[in-house]
Amino acid sequence: MPASSNLVRRGLAVAAALPLLALAACGYGSEAKDDSPEQQVAAGAEKIDGLDSVRIGYFGNLTHATALVGKQKGFFQKELGATRAKYQVFNAGPSEIEALNSGSVDIGWIGPSPSINGYTRSEGKSLRIVSGSASGGVKLVVNPDKIKTLDDVKGKKIATPQLGNTQDVAFLNWIAGRGWKVDAQSGKGDVSVIRTDNKITPDAYKSGSIDGAWVPEPTASKLVSQGAKVLLDEADLWPDKKFVITNVIVSQKFLEEHPKAVEAVLKASVATNKWINANPEEAKAAANAQLKEDSGKALPAEVIDPAWKSIQFIDDPLASTLNTEADYAVKAGLLEKPKLDGIYDLTLLNKILKAQGASPVDDAGLGVE
């Protein structure tokens, strides 16, 4: 893709600075523990491609539950044989993209906006999306004393996780659809868009510094547990109530050099999603157990129960919705029209699905040639 069409506009230049701050604050991510019985290598197992390890990145939230459960129940280690599954937990998409680019992570679970930004800023050379993982799990939750209808959002202070992130772009698009005006860079206008880290959004709500938030789970349900109400589920804005919230990405270098290892991780991902959907309560408990291992704190029932119900775990990357989300960023003035041709390589995923008698998934014309 030509550099001129890749460059982020004036607004995204500000967004580009935020990832650098995130990187300075949290490095490439924290290394997760991998010494539980489920992570032990089976006797007689062999290494894949001679690799000692495969480094897997994910976020410590429920929309990344495929990774959480896959690790907790040993799905990844089982498929990787004697090649050790190593894990890093991230707080933000830009830091995971940086880790992928630096080679400290090989494959990762991540949202659509950082996938788009990582791909376009590298002129299509950094990553491929090789699978979907989850859909849904994003809500507009508000203070019911201040906001009772959608029209009441006008003039209020609503949080999103980060300038230019997936939820921020979706909220700006929703605002524009109602005919309201907001400057995407500053967040000022008919609605005040307050960019707030998900970790502190509950405290911001409790203090009254925000009137609501357009956020992913479990942050949305954390606010509800504090008395907020769900005003809108983003899934209701999409055809079939499905939109990509989590992809699986891999560095192009690793995919080219170690396709067998990527295939093993994808086999584990597909097996994990199948198990999650067949055993939702046990899977929810497994995800929560992994969250506790990673962060030291499990989610209470009043948070995880409603959050879990709003997320669909699927292998389809819902490629057409990623393209739509990119268009939203363009309309908001955060991105020049990106060239996303080649962002997907679903060859290995479709090979796995075919072997299981499942239907192939579509790349919406954005796959490798």
Protein backbone atom coordinates (compact mmCIF):
# COMPACT_ATOMS: atom_id res chain seq x y z
CA MET A 1 0.00 0.00 0.00
CA PRO A 2 1.39 3.47 -0.88
CA ALA A 3 2.65 5.39 2.12
CA SER A 4 0.43 8.33 1.30
CA SER A 5 -2.72 6.24 1.55
CA ASN A 6 -1.47 4.57 4.70
CA LEU A 7 -0.74 7.67 6.65
CA VAL A 8 -3.05 8.49 9.45
CA ARG A 9 -4.59 11.89 9.41
CA ARG A 10 -3.89 14.63 11.85
CA GLY A 11 -6.24 13.01 14.38
CA LEU A 12 -4.61 9.63 14.24
CA ALA A 13 -1.22 11.22 14.72
CA VAL A 14 -2.45 11.93 18.22
CA ALA A 15 -3.64 8.33 18.52
CA ALA A 16 -0.23 7.13 17.42
CA ALA A 17 1.30 8.88 20.40
CA LEU A 18 -0.96 7.02 22.81
CA PRO A 19 0.39 3.57 21.94
CA LEU A 20 3.88 4.87 22.69
CA LEU A 21 2.72 5.97 26.11
CA ALA A 22 1.09 2.60 26.62
CA LEU A 23 4.32 0.88 25.64
CA ALA A 24 6.33 3.00 28.02
CA ALA A 25 3.90 2.21 30.81
CA CYS A 26 3.54 -1.52 30.37
CA GLY A 27 6.32 -2.71 28.07
CA TYR A 28 5.40 -5.46 25.68
CA GLY A 29 3.10 -7.15 28.18
CA SER A 30 3.44 -9.30 31.27
CA GLU A 31 4.58 -12.89 30.99
CA ALA A 32 1.83 -15.24 32.13
CA LYS A 33 2.47 -18.26 34.30
CA ASP A 34 2.62 -21.53 32.39
CA ASP A 35 3.53 -24.11 35.01
CA SER A 36 0.10 -25.58 35.78
CA PRO A 37 -0.59 -29.29 35.12
CA GLU A 38 -2.57 -28.39 31.98
CA GLN A 39 0.55 -26.76 30.53
CA GLN A 40 2.84 -29.76 30.95
CA VAL A 41 4.22 -31.46 27.85
CA ALA A 42 2.84 -34.96 27.31
CA ALA A 43 5.29 -37.86 27.48
CA GLY A 44 6.60 -38.79 24.04
CA ALA A 45 5.43 -35.55 22.43
CA GLU A 46 7.53 -34.10 19.62
CA LYS A 47 8.42 -30.52 18.78
CA ILE A 48 6.72 -28.82 15.86
CA ASP A 49 9.13 -27.46 13.25
CA GLY A 50 11.89 -27.96 15.80
CA LEU A 51 10.61 -24.99 17.80
CA ASP A 52 11.30 -24.82 21.52
CA SER A 53 8.32 -22.52 22.03
CA VAL A 54 5.50 -20.55 20.43
CA ARG A 55 4.78 -17.20 22.06
CA ILE A 56 1.07 -16.38 22.33
CA GLY A 57 -0.34 -12.97 23.26
CA TYR A 58 -3.79 -12.09 24.56
CA PHE A 59 -5.65 -9.57 26.71
CA GLY A 60 -6.94 -10.32 30.19
CA ASN A 61 -10.58 -9.79 29.30
CA LEU A 62 -13.55 -11.96 28.40
CA THR A 63 -13.61 -11.11 24.70
CA HIS A 64 -10.30 -13.03 24.58
CA ALA A 65 -11.79 -16.05 26.35
CA THR A 66 -10.70 -18.42 23.58
CA ALA A 67 -7.12 -17.74 24.64
CA LEU A 68 -7.98 -17.76 28.35
CA VAL A 69 -9.79 -21.09 28.18
CA GLY A 70 -7.38 -22.58 25.66
CA LYS A 71 -4.53 -21.95 28.05
CA GLN A 72 -6.38 -22.90 31.23
CA LYS A 73 -7.61 -26.23 29.83
CA GLY A 74 -4.39 -27.08 28.00
CA PHE A 75 -5.72 -27.02 24.43
CA PHE A 76 -2.74 -25.08 23.07
CA GLN A 77 -0.11 -27.21 24.75
CA LYS A 78 -1.81 -30.41 23.59
CA GLU A 79 -1.66 -29.37 19.93
CA LEU A 80 1.88 -27.99 20.18
CA GLY A 81 3.29 -31.24 21.54
CA ALA A 82 6.81 -30.77 22.93
CA THR A 83 6.93 -27.19 21.67
CA ARG A 84 6.21 -25.12 24.73
CA ALA A 85 3.31 -22.64 24.65
CA LYS A 86 4.52 -19.38 26.20
CA TYR A 87 2.12 -16.56 27.00
CA GLN A 88 2.14 -12.78 27.39
CA VAL A 89 -0.81 -10.75 28.66
CA PHE A 90 -1.38 -7.28 27.22
CA ASN A 91 -3.45 -4.28 28.27
CA ALA A 92 -3.67 -2.57 24.89
CA GLY A 93 -3.66 -3.47 21.21
CA PRO A 94 -0.78 -1.19 20.17
CA SER A 95 1.59 -2.85 22.65
CA GLU A 96 0.69 -6.29 21.30
CA ILE A 97 1.28 -5.12 17.72
CA GLU A 98 4.67 -3.73 18.78
CA ALA A 99 5.51 -7.08 20.39
CA LEU A 100 4.51 -8.90 17.21
CA ASN A 101 6.62 -6.56 15.11
CA SER A 102 9.63 -6.97 17.40
CA GLY A 103 9.38 -10.76 17.37
CA SER A 104 8.65 -11.16 21.08
CA VAL A 105 5.20 -12.57 20.25
CA ASP A 106 4.45 -14.93 17.36
CA ILE A 107 0.67 -15.12 17.36
CA GLY A 108 -1.99 -13.25 19.28
CA TRP A 109 -5.61 -12.49 20.06
CA ILE A 110 -6.46 -8.84 19.34
CA GLY A 111 -9.24 -6.47 18.30
CA PRO A 112 -10.00 -5.29 14.76
CA SER A 113 -8.79 -1.67 15.02
CA PRO A 114 -5.23 -2.48 16.11
CA SER A 115 -5.18 -5.20 13.45
CA ILE A 116 -6.09 -2.63 10.79
CA ASN A 117 -3.66 -0.03 12.11
CA GLY A 118 -0.83 -2.54 12.42
CA TYR A 119 -1.35 -3.80 8.90
CA THR A 120 -1.71 -0.42 7.20
CA ARG A 121 1.12 1.32 9.07
CA SER A 122 3.48 -1.48 7.99
CA GLU A 123 2.25 -1.17 4.39
CA GLY A 124 0.81 -4.67 4.61
CA LYS A 125 4.04 -6.34 5.74
CA SER A 126 3.60 -7.01 9.45
CA LEU A 127 0.73 -9.39 10.08
CA ARG A 128 -2.06 -11.59 8.78
CA ILE A 129 -5.43 -12.29 10.36
CA VAL A 130 -5.67 -16.08 10.36
CA SER A 131 -8.90 -16.67 12.29
CA GLY A 132 -11.76 -15.14 14.13
CA SER A 133 -12.34 -15.73 17.82
CA ALA A 134 -15.27 -13.74 19.19
CA SER A 135 -18.19 -11.47 18.32
CA GLY A 136 -20.15 -9.03 20.44
CA GLY A 137 -19.60 -8.11 24.06
CA VAL A 138 -19.76 -4.31 23.63
CA LYS A 139 -22.42 -2.10 25.24
CA LEU A 140 -23.38 1.48 25.88
CA VAL A 141 -24.05 1.63 29.62
CA VAL A 142 -25.25 4.80 31.31
CA ASN A 143 -26.26 6.47 34.55
CA PRO A 144 -30.06 5.97 34.56
CA ASP A 145 -30.57 9.11 36.63
CA LYS A 146 -29.05 11.24 33.87
CA ILE A 147 -29.76 9.25 30.70
CA LYS A 148 -33.06 7.49 30.10
CA THR A 149 -33.26 7.45 26.30
CA LEU A 150 -30.79 7.44 23.41
CA ASP A 151 -31.55 11.12 22.76
CA ASP A 152 -30.43 11.91 26.31
CA VAL A 153 -26.85 10.94 25.40
CA LYS A 154 -26.49 14.32 23.70
CA GLY A 155 -24.66 16.72 25.99
CA LYS A 156 -23.35 13.99 28.27
CA LYS A 157 -19.87 12.66 29.06
CA ILE A 158 -19.36 9.16 27.66
CA ALA A 159 -16.15 7.16 28.03
CA THR A 160 -14.46 5.01 25.40
CA PRO A 161 -11.24 3.03 26.04
CA GLN A 162 -8.82 4.89 23.78
CA LEU A 163 -8.73 7.39 20.92
CA GLY A 164 -9.12 5.42 17.69
CA ASN A 165 -9.69 2.04 19.35
CA THR A 166 -12.48 -0.30 18.21
CA GLN A 167 -15.12 0.98 20.63
CA ASP A 168 -14.13 4.62 20.15
CA VAL A 169 -14.59 4.33 16.39
CA ALA A 170 -17.94 2.56 16.82
CA PHE A 171 -19.23 5.23 19.20
CA LEU A 172 -18.12 8.09 16.94
CA ASN A 173 -19.93 6.40 14.05
CA TRP A 174 -23.08 5.99 16.15
CA ILE A 175 -22.93 9.67 17.14
CA ALA A 176 -22.61 10.72 13.49
CA GLY A 177 -25.54 8.49 12.59
CA ARG A 178 -27.73 10.48 14.95
CA GLY A 179 -26.72 13.72 13.24
CA TRP A 180 -24.59 14.98 16.12
CA LYS A 181 -21.15 16.55 15.71
CA VAL A 182 -18.03 15.61 17.66
CA ASP A 183 -14.41 16.45 16.91
CA ALA A 184 -12.79 13.01 16.78
CA GLN A 185 -9.41 14.28 18.04
CA SER A 186 -10.52 16.19 21.10
CA GLY A 187 -13.77 14.33 21.77
CA LYS A 188 -15.54 17.67 22.15
CA GLY A 189 -18.92 18.42 20.61
CA ASP A 190 -22.56 17.47 21.00
CA VAL A 191 -21.34 14.57 23.15
CA SER A 192 -18.16 14.70 25.24
CA VAL A 193 -16.16 11.58 24.39
CA ILE A 194 -13.82 10.90 27.31
CA ARG A 195 -11.01 8.48 26.46
CA THR A 196 -10.51 6.43 29.63
CA ASP A 197 -8.57 3.23 30.30
CA ASN A 198 -10.98 0.38 31.02
CA LYS A 199 -9.20 -0.25 34.32
CA ILE A 200 -10.26 3.14 35.71
CA THR A 201 -13.62 3.53 33.95
CA PRO A 202 -15.57 2.03 36.90
CA ASP A 203 -13.96 4.54 39.29
CA ALA A 204 -14.66 7.37 36.84
CA TYR A 205 -18.30 6.32 36.71
CA LYS A 206 -18.53 6.01 40.48
CA SER A 207 -17.07 9.49 40.96
CA GLY A 208 -19.51 11.01 38.47
CA SER A 209 -16.82 12.23 36.10
CA ILE A 210 -18.50 10.28 33.29
CA ASP A 211 -22.21 9.67 32.64
CA GLY A 212 -21.72 6.39 30.82
CA ALA A 213 -19.40 4.39 28.62
CA TRP A 214 -19.26 2.53 25.28
CA VAL A 215 -17.06 -0.34 26.40
CA PRO A 216 -16.34 -4.06 26.00
CA GLU A 217 -16.98 -6.75 28.57
CA PRO A 218 -16.39 -7.13 31.41
CA THR A 219 -16.12 -3.35 31.90
CA ALA A 220 -19.75 -2.88 30.83
CA SER A 221 -21.02 -5.34 33.42
CA LYS A 222 -18.75 -3.85 36.08
CA LEU A 223 -20.57 -0.53 35.56
CA VAL A 224 -23.94 -2.26 35.68
CA SER A 225 -22.95 -3.78 39.03
CA GLN A 226 -22.47 -0.17 40.21
CA GLY A 227 -25.98 0.80 39.16
CA ALA A 228 -25.54 1.67 35.49
CA LYS A 229 -28.06 0.45 32.91
CA VAL A 230 -27.48 -1.02 29.46
CA LEU A 231 -28.89 1.51 26.99
CA LEU A 232 -27.65 -0.19 23.82
CA ASP A 233 -25.97 -3.45 22.86
CA GLU A 234 -23.74 -2.84 19.84
CA ALA A 235 -24.70 -6.24 18.43
CA ASP A 236 -28.16 -4.80 17.73
CA LEU A 237 -26.59 -2.41 15.20
CA TRP A 238 -25.11 -5.20 13.03
CA PRO A 239 -26.65 -7.67 10.56
CA ASP A 240 -27.33 -10.99 12.26
CA LYS A 241 -26.14 -9.26 15.47
CA LYS A 242 -22.56 -10.28 14.69
CA PHE A 243 -19.42 -8.17 14.39
CA VAL A 244 -15.79 -8.99 14.99
CA ILE A 245 -14.45 -8.08 18.41
CA THR A 246 -11.45 -10.43 18.53
CA ASN A 247 -9.21 -11.80 15.75
CA VAL A 248 -6.23 -14.12 15.76
CA ILE A 249 -3.18 -12.53 14.12
CA VAL A 250 0.26 -13.87 13.31
CA SER A 251 3.43 -12.21 12.13
CA GLN A 252 3.94 -12.81 8.42
CA LYS A 253 7.52 -13.95 9.07
CA PHE A 254 6.40 -16.60 11.56
CA LEU A 255 3.57 -17.75 9.29
CA GLU A 256 5.95 -18.18 6.37
CA GLU A 257 8.63 -19.96 8.40
CA HIS A 258 6.45 -22.09 10.71
CA PRO A 259 3.05 -22.81 9.16
CA LYS A 260 2.79 -26.11 11.06
CA ALA A 261 3.06 -24.28 14.36
CA VAL A 262 0.41 -21.75 13.30
CA GLU A 263 -1.84 -24.62 12.22
CA ALA A 264 -1.38 -26.27 15.63
CA VAL A 265 -2.42 -23.08 17.45
CA LEU A 266 -5.43 -22.70 15.16
CA LYS A 267 -6.44 -26.31 15.75
CA ALA A 268 -6.37 -25.54 19.45
CA SER A 269 -8.39 -22.35 18.93
CA VAL A 270 -11.08 -24.19 16.96
CA ALA A 271 -11.17 -26.99 19.55
CA THR A 272 -11.41 -24.44 22.37
CA ASN A 273 -14.33 -22.59 20.79
CA LYS A 274 -16.10 -25.87 20.19
CA TRP A 275 -15.62 -26.83 23.84
CA ILE A 276 -16.70 -23.38 25.07
CA ASN A 277 -19.96 -23.58 23.13
CA ALA A 278 -20.64 -27.15 24.30
CA ASN A 279 -19.79 -26.39 27.94
CA PRO A 280 -20.62 -22.73 28.55
CA GLU A 281 -20.75 -22.83 32.35
CA GLU A 282 -17.54 -24.82 32.72
CA ALA A 283 -15.88 -22.61 30.12
CA LYS A 284 -16.95 -19.47 31.96
CA ALA A 285 -15.37 -20.86 35.14
CA ALA A 286 -12.18 -21.74 33.25
CA ALA A 287 -11.93 -18.23 31.79
CA ASN A 288 -12.42 -16.72 35.23
CA ALA A 289 -9.80 -19.03 36.72
CA GLN A 290 -7.30 -17.88 34.10
CA LEU A 291 -8.17 -14.23 34.75
CA LYS A 292 -7.43 -14.84 38.43
CA GLU A 293 -4.09 -16.47 37.60
CA ASP A 294 -3.13 -13.58 35.35
CA SER A 295 -4.38 -10.66 37.45
CA GLY A 296 -4.77 -12.08 40.95
CA LYS A 297 -8.49 -11.40 40.96
CA ALA A 298 -11.47 -13.30 39.57
CA LEU A 299 -14.64 -11.57 38.39
CA PRO A 300 -17.65 -11.75 40.73
CA ALA A 301 -20.76 -13.58 39.52
CA GLU A 302 -22.73 -10.35 39.08
CA VAL A 303 -20.15 -9.22 36.53
CA ILE A 304 -19.10 -12.37 34.68
CA ASP A 305 -22.57 -13.92 34.31
CA PRO A 306 -24.16 -11.13 32.18
CA ALA A 307 -20.86 -10.41 30.41
CA TRP A 308 -20.41 -14.02 29.32
CA LYS A 309 -23.89 -14.21 27.82
CA SER A 310 -23.25 -11.29 25.47
CA ILE A 311 -20.19 -12.77 23.74
CA GLN A 312 -20.29 -15.32 20.91
CA PHE A 313 -17.22 -17.50 20.39
CA ILE A 314 -16.79 -18.27 16.71
CA ASP A 315 -14.01 -19.17 14.27
CA ASP A 316 -15.37 -16.97 11.47
CA PRO A 317 -13.41 -13.67 11.42
CA LEU A 318 -16.50 -11.88 10.05
CA ALA A 319 -14.27 -10.18 7.50
CA SER A 320 -16.96 -7.96 6.03
CA THR A 321 -17.51 -6.34 9.42
CA LEU A 322 -13.80 -5.54 9.75
CA ASN A 323 -14.01 -3.71 6.43
CA THR A 324 -17.04 -1.81 7.72
CA GLU A 325 -15.22 -0.87 10.92
CA ALA A 326 -12.36 0.50 8.82
CA ASP A 327 -14.88 2.60 6.89
CA TYR A 328 -16.19 3.97 10.20
CA ALA A 329 -12.69 5.16 11.09
CA VAL A 330 -12.40 6.86 7.71
CA LYS A 331 -15.76 8.60 8.16
CA ALA A 332 -14.72 9.78 11.61
CA GLY A 333 -11.62 11.39 10.11
CA LEU A 334 -9.25 9.11 11.99
CA LEU A 335 -7.90 7.20 9.02
CA GLU A 336 -7.22 7.61 5.34
CA LYS A 337 -8.97 4.96 3.29
CA PRO A 338 -6.88 1.86 4.01
CA LYS A 339 -5.89 -0.79 1.52
CA LEU A 340 -6.71 -4.03 3.35
CA ASP A 341 -6.12 -6.46 0.50
CA GLY A 342 -4.12 -9.37 1.88
CA ILE A 343 -4.84 -8.73 5.54
CA TYR A 344 -6.42 -12.20 5.78
CA ASP A 345 -4.90 -15.62 5.21
CA LEU A 346 -7.58 -18.14 6.13
CA THR A 347 -5.95 -21.06 4.31
CA LEU A 348 -4.96 -22.99 7.44
CA LEU A 349 -8.23 -22.26 9.24
CA ASN A 350 -10.31 -23.49 6.31
CA LYS A 351 -8.11 -26.59 6.05
CA ILE A 352 -8.91 -27.36 9.69
CA LEU A 353 -12.62 -26.65 9.28
CA LYS A 354 -12.82 -28.81 6.15
CA ALA A 355 -11.19 -31.74 7.96
CA GLN A 356 -13.91 -31.44 10.60
CA GLY A 357 -16.70 -31.30 8.05
CA ALA A 358 -17.43 -27.64 8.77
CA SER A 359 -18.12 -24.92 6.21
CA PRO A 360 -15.25 -22.66 5.15
CA VAL A 361 -15.17 -19.03 6.24
CA ASP A 362 -14.92 -16.05 3.90
CA ASP A 363 -12.29 -13.32 3.69
CA ALA A 364 -14.63 -10.79 2.00
CA GLY A 365 -12.15 -10.40 -0.86
CA LEU A 366 -9.40 -9.25 1.51
CA GLY A 367 -7.34 -12.44 1.47
CA VAL A 368 -3.88 -13.15 0.11
CA GLU A 369 -3.73 -13.88 -3.58
